[in-house]
Amino acid sequence: MTLAVGGLIAGAVMAAAPWSRRWLPRVIAGIVTLGIALGTGVLCIDHISR
């Protein structure tokens, strides 16, 4: 649950930051950031649980 919340927060910050005037690149960057955060967290948890 903490992983999902952290990933959502990271993605939301990336999408909300005004680094581009266009909304589509910000949304795509937010989704990519969310995916990277969740993927890295899941791999870390999998590695620790072995």
N, C-alpha and C. Protein backbone atom coordinates (compact mmCIF):
# COMPACT_ATOMS: atom_id res chain seq x y z
N MET A 1 0.82 -1.19 0.00
CA MET A 1 0.00 0.00 0.00
C MET A 1 0.87 1.26 0.00
N THR A 2 1.91 1.25 0.78
CA THR A 2 2.81 2.40 0.83
C THR A 2 3.48 2.62 -0.51
N LEU A 3 3.80 1.54 -1.19
CA LEU A 3 4.42 1.64 -2.51
C LEU A 3 3.49 2.32 -3.50
N ALA A 4 2.23 1.96 -3.48
CA ALA A 4 1.26 2.56 -4.40
C ALA A 4 1.08 4.05 -4.10
N VAL A 5 1.00 4.40 -2.84
CA VAL A 5 0.84 5.81 -2.47
C VAL A 5 2.07 6.61 -2.88
N GLY A 6 3.25 6.07 -2.61
CA GLY A 6 4.48 6.76 -3.02
C GLY A 6 4.58 6.93 -4.52
N GLY A 7 4.21 5.90 -5.26
CA GLY A 7 4.23 6.00 -6.71
C GLY A 7 3.23 7.02 -7.24
N LEU A 8 2.05 7.03 -6.65
CA LEU A 8 1.04 8.01 -7.06
C LEU A 8 1.48 9.44 -6.75
N ILE A 9 2.09 9.64 -5.60
CA ILE A 9 2.58 10.98 -5.25
C ILE A 9 3.68 11.41 -6.20
N ALA A 10 4.63 10.52 -6.49
CA ALA A 10 5.71 10.86 -7.41
C ALA A 10 5.17 11.18 -8.80
N GLY A 11 4.23 10.38 -9.27
CA GLY A 11 3.63 10.64 -10.58
C GLY A 11 2.84 11.94 -10.62
N ALA A 12 2.12 12.21 -9.54
CA ALA A 12 1.34 13.45 -9.48
C ALA A 12 2.23 14.68 -9.45
N VAL A 13 3.32 14.62 -8.72
CA VAL A 13 4.26 15.75 -8.67
C VAL A 13 4.85 15.98 -10.05
N MET A 14 5.23 14.92 -10.74
CA MET A 14 5.81 15.06 -12.07
C MET A 14 4.79 15.64 -13.05
N ALA A 15 3.54 15.21 -12.95
CA ALA A 15 2.50 15.70 -13.87
C ALA A 15 2.08 17.13 -13.53
N ALA A 16 2.13 17.51 -12.28
CA ALA A 16 1.66 18.84 -11.87
C ALA A 16 2.73 19.92 -12.00
N ALA A 17 3.99 19.54 -12.05
CA ALA A 17 5.06 20.53 -12.12
C ALA A 17 4.98 21.28 -13.45
N PRO A 18 5.09 22.58 -13.42
CA PRO A 18 4.93 23.38 -14.65
C PRO A 18 6.21 23.44 -15.50
N TRP A 19 6.78 22.32 -15.87
CA TRP A 19 7.99 22.31 -16.68
C TRP A 19 7.68 22.33 -18.16
N SER A 20 6.40 22.22 -18.51
CA SER A 20 5.98 22.29 -19.91
C SER A 20 4.61 22.93 -19.96
N ARG A 21 4.37 23.71 -21.00
CA ARG A 21 3.06 24.35 -21.13
C ARG A 21 2.02 23.36 -21.63
N ARG A 22 2.45 22.32 -22.32
CA ARG A 22 1.52 21.33 -22.84
C ARG A 22 1.25 20.27 -21.79
N TRP A 23 0.02 19.78 -21.74
CA TRP A 23 -0.37 18.84 -20.70
C TRP A 23 0.00 17.41 -21.03
N LEU A 24 0.05 17.03 -22.31
CA LEU A 24 0.30 15.64 -22.67
C LEU A 24 1.69 15.14 -22.23
N PRO A 25 2.77 15.89 -22.47
CA PRO A 25 4.07 15.41 -21.99
C PRO A 25 4.13 15.27 -20.48
N ARG A 26 3.45 16.16 -19.76
CA ARG A 26 3.44 16.07 -18.30
C ARG A 26 2.70 14.83 -17.82
N VAL A 27 1.58 14.50 -18.46
CA VAL A 27 0.82 13.31 -18.09
C VAL A 27 1.62 12.06 -18.40
N ILE A 28 2.25 12.03 -19.56
CA ILE A 28 3.08 10.87 -19.93
C ILE A 28 4.24 10.71 -18.95
N ALA A 29 4.89 11.81 -18.60
CA ALA A 29 6.00 11.74 -17.64
C ALA A 29 5.51 11.28 -16.27
N GLY A 30 4.33 11.71 -15.87
CA GLY A 30 3.76 11.26 -14.60
C GLY A 30 3.48 9.78 -14.60
N ILE A 31 2.94 9.26 -15.70
CA ILE A 31 2.66 7.83 -15.80
C ILE A 31 3.95 7.02 -15.80
N VAL A 32 4.95 7.51 -16.53
CA VAL A 32 6.26 6.81 -16.56
C VAL A 32 6.88 6.81 -15.17
N THR A 33 6.82 7.94 -14.49
CA THR A 33 7.36 8.03 -13.13
C THR A 33 6.64 7.07 -12.19
N LEU A 34 5.33 7.00 -12.30
CA LEU A 34 4.56 6.06 -11.50
C LEU A 34 4.99 4.62 -11.78
N GLY A 35 5.14 4.28 -13.05
CA GLY A 35 5.57 2.93 -13.41
C GLY A 35 6.95 2.59 -12.90
N ILE A 36 7.87 3.53 -13.00
CA ILE A 36 9.23 3.29 -12.51
C ILE A 36 9.22 3.11 -11.00
N ALA A 37 8.49 3.95 -10.29
CA ALA A 37 8.43 3.85 -8.83
C ALA A 37 7.83 2.52 -8.39
N LEU A 38 6.74 2.14 -9.02
CA LEU A 38 6.10 0.87 -8.64
C LEU A 38 6.96 -0.33 -9.05
N GLY A 39 7.52 -0.29 -10.24
CA GLY A 39 8.35 -1.40 -10.71
C GLY A 39 9.58 -1.60 -9.85
N THR A 40 10.25 -0.51 -9.51
CA THR A 40 11.43 -0.60 -8.67
C THR A 40 11.07 -1.12 -7.28
N GLY A 41 9.96 -0.64 -6.74
CA GLY A 41 9.53 -1.10 -5.42
C GLY A 41 9.18 -2.57 -5.40
N VAL A 42 8.48 -3.03 -6.42
CA VAL A 42 8.11 -4.44 -6.49
C VAL A 42 9.35 -5.32 -6.62
N LEU A 43 10.31 -4.90 -7.46
CA LEU A 43 11.55 -5.67 -7.59
C LEU A 43 12.33 -5.70 -6.29
N CYS A 44 12.35 -4.59 -5.57
CA CYS A 44 13.06 -4.53 -4.28
C CYS A 44 12.40 -5.44 -3.26
N ILE A 45 11.08 -5.42 -3.18
CA ILE A 45 10.37 -6.27 -2.24
C ILE A 45 10.59 -7.75 -2.60
N ASP A 46 10.56 -8.06 -3.90
CA ASP A 46 10.78 -9.43 -4.34
C ASP A 46 12.19 -9.89 -3.96
N HIS A 47 13.16 -9.03 -4.12
CA HIS A 47 14.54 -9.37 -3.79
C HIS A 47 14.71 -9.57 -2.28
N ILE A 48 14.08 -8.72 -1.49
CA ILE A 48 14.20 -8.83 -0.03
C ILE A 48 13.50 -10.09 0.49
N SER A 49 12.38 -10.44 -0.12
CA SER A 49 11.61 -11.58 0.40
C SER A 49 12.21 -12.94 0.05
N ARG A 50 13.26 -12.96 -0.72
CA ARG A 50 13.88 -14.25 -1.06
C ARG A 50 14.81 -14.72 0.01
